[in-house]
Amino acid sequence: MITMIEKYNQTLNLNMNSTPRIRTIPKAYDEIKKLDKDTSFTLRALRRMCANGDIPTVKVGNKTLINVDLLIRTLSCDNETVCVL
């Protein structure tokens, strides 16, 4: 079984010079659903993580924007910090 981060790495060959993929909360959730259509992760959980500061966000007017690549890394616990959600 292929993991979400492996599928992400296969579909996107990003390097450090690429532009970050910034999305609104619903569109970021749609990106997660594209990678794993059977995910148990919910839009409500994503909104809650943003509100709690678990995921870095940027507020622009009334919109909350998320770096999708960072979101995927955070959810995959593919970073050097302890993954606690």
Protein backbone atom coordinates (compact mmCIF):
# COMPACT_ATOMS: atom_id res chain seq x y z
CA MET A 1 0.00 0.00 0.00
CA ILE A 2 1.37 3.39 -0.97
CA THR A 3 1.37 6.06 1.71
CA MET A 4 0.03 9.58 1.23
CA ILE A 5 3.52 11.12 1.34
CA GLU A 6 4.82 8.61 -1.24
CA LYS A 7 1.92 9.38 -3.55
CA TYR A 8 2.54 13.08 -2.99
CA ASN A 9 6.23 12.71 -3.85
CA GLN A 10 5.37 10.77 -7.00
CA THR A 11 2.81 13.28 -8.27
CA LEU A 12 4.85 16.37 -7.42
CA ASN A 13 8.52 16.64 -8.09
CA LEU A 14 9.03 19.84 -6.09
CA ASN A 15 12.33 21.46 -5.28
CA MET A 16 13.28 24.30 -2.97
CA ASN A 17 12.89 26.92 -5.74
CA SER A 18 9.26 26.10 -6.56
CA THR A 19 6.36 28.34 -5.66
CA PRO A 20 4.36 27.12 -2.64
CA ARG A 21 0.86 25.87 -3.34
CA ILE A 22 -1.33 28.17 -1.24
CA ARG A 23 -5.00 27.25 -0.90
CA THR A 24 -8.06 28.17 1.13
CA ILE A 25 -9.11 25.64 3.75
CA PRO A 26 -11.74 23.90 1.56
CA LYS A 27 -9.40 23.75 -1.44
CA ALA A 28 -6.54 22.43 0.72
CA TYR A 29 -8.92 19.73 1.95
CA ASP A 30 -9.77 18.89 -1.68
CA GLU A 31 -6.04 18.40 -2.37
CA ILE A 32 -5.86 15.89 0.50
CA LYS A 33 -8.92 14.08 -0.86
CA LYS A 34 -7.26 13.87 -4.31
CA LEU A 35 -4.28 12.11 -2.76
CA ASP A 36 -6.39 9.75 -0.64
CA LYS A 37 -10.06 9.52 -1.58
CA ASP A 38 -10.75 7.18 1.38
CA THR A 39 -9.16 9.41 4.01
CA SER A 40 -10.79 9.70 7.42
CA PHE A 41 -9.42 13.23 7.74
CA THR A 42 -12.30 15.72 7.65
CA LEU A 43 -12.75 19.34 6.65
CA ARG A 44 -13.85 20.04 10.20
CA ALA A 45 -10.60 18.57 11.55
CA LEU A 46 -8.60 20.77 9.16
CA ARG A 47 -10.51 23.87 10.26
CA ARG A 48 -9.92 22.95 13.90
CA MET A 49 -6.18 22.42 13.32
CA CYS A 50 -5.97 25.86 11.68
CA ALA A 51 -7.87 27.51 14.52
CA ASN A 52 -5.65 25.83 17.14
CA GLY A 53 -2.45 26.87 15.36
CA ASP A 54 -1.43 23.27 14.63
CA ILE A 55 -0.87 24.26 10.99
CA PRO A 56 0.72 27.58 9.97
CA THR A 57 -1.81 29.77 8.17
CA VAL A 58 -1.99 33.22 6.65
CA LYS A 59 -5.08 35.40 7.06
CA VAL A 60 -5.96 37.58 4.06
CA GLY A 61 -9.15 39.48 4.76
CA ASN A 62 -11.71 36.88 5.76
CA LYS A 63 -9.83 34.00 4.13
CA THR A 64 -7.44 31.63 5.82
CA LEU A 65 -4.72 30.34 3.48
CA ILE A 66 -2.66 27.17 3.90
CA ASN A 67 0.54 25.97 2.27
CA VAL A 68 -0.64 22.59 0.95
CA ASP A 69 2.86 21.11 0.80
CA LEU A 70 3.45 21.96 4.46
CA LEU A 71 0.03 20.58 5.37
CA ILE A 72 0.83 17.24 3.72
CA ARG A 73 4.19 17.04 5.47
CA THR A 74 2.53 17.84 8.79
CA LEU A 75 -0.18 15.22 8.35
CA SER A 76 2.38 12.64 7.24
CA CYS A 77 4.61 13.39 10.22
CA ASP A 78 7.44 13.65 7.71
CA ASN A 79 9.37 16.27 9.65
CA GLU A 80 11.86 16.32 12.49
CA THR A 81 9.42 17.33 15.20
CA VAL A 82 7.21 14.98 17.15
CA CYS A 83 3.90 14.48 15.38
CA VAL A 84 1.07 15.20 17.81
CA LEU A 85 -2.32 16.04 16.32
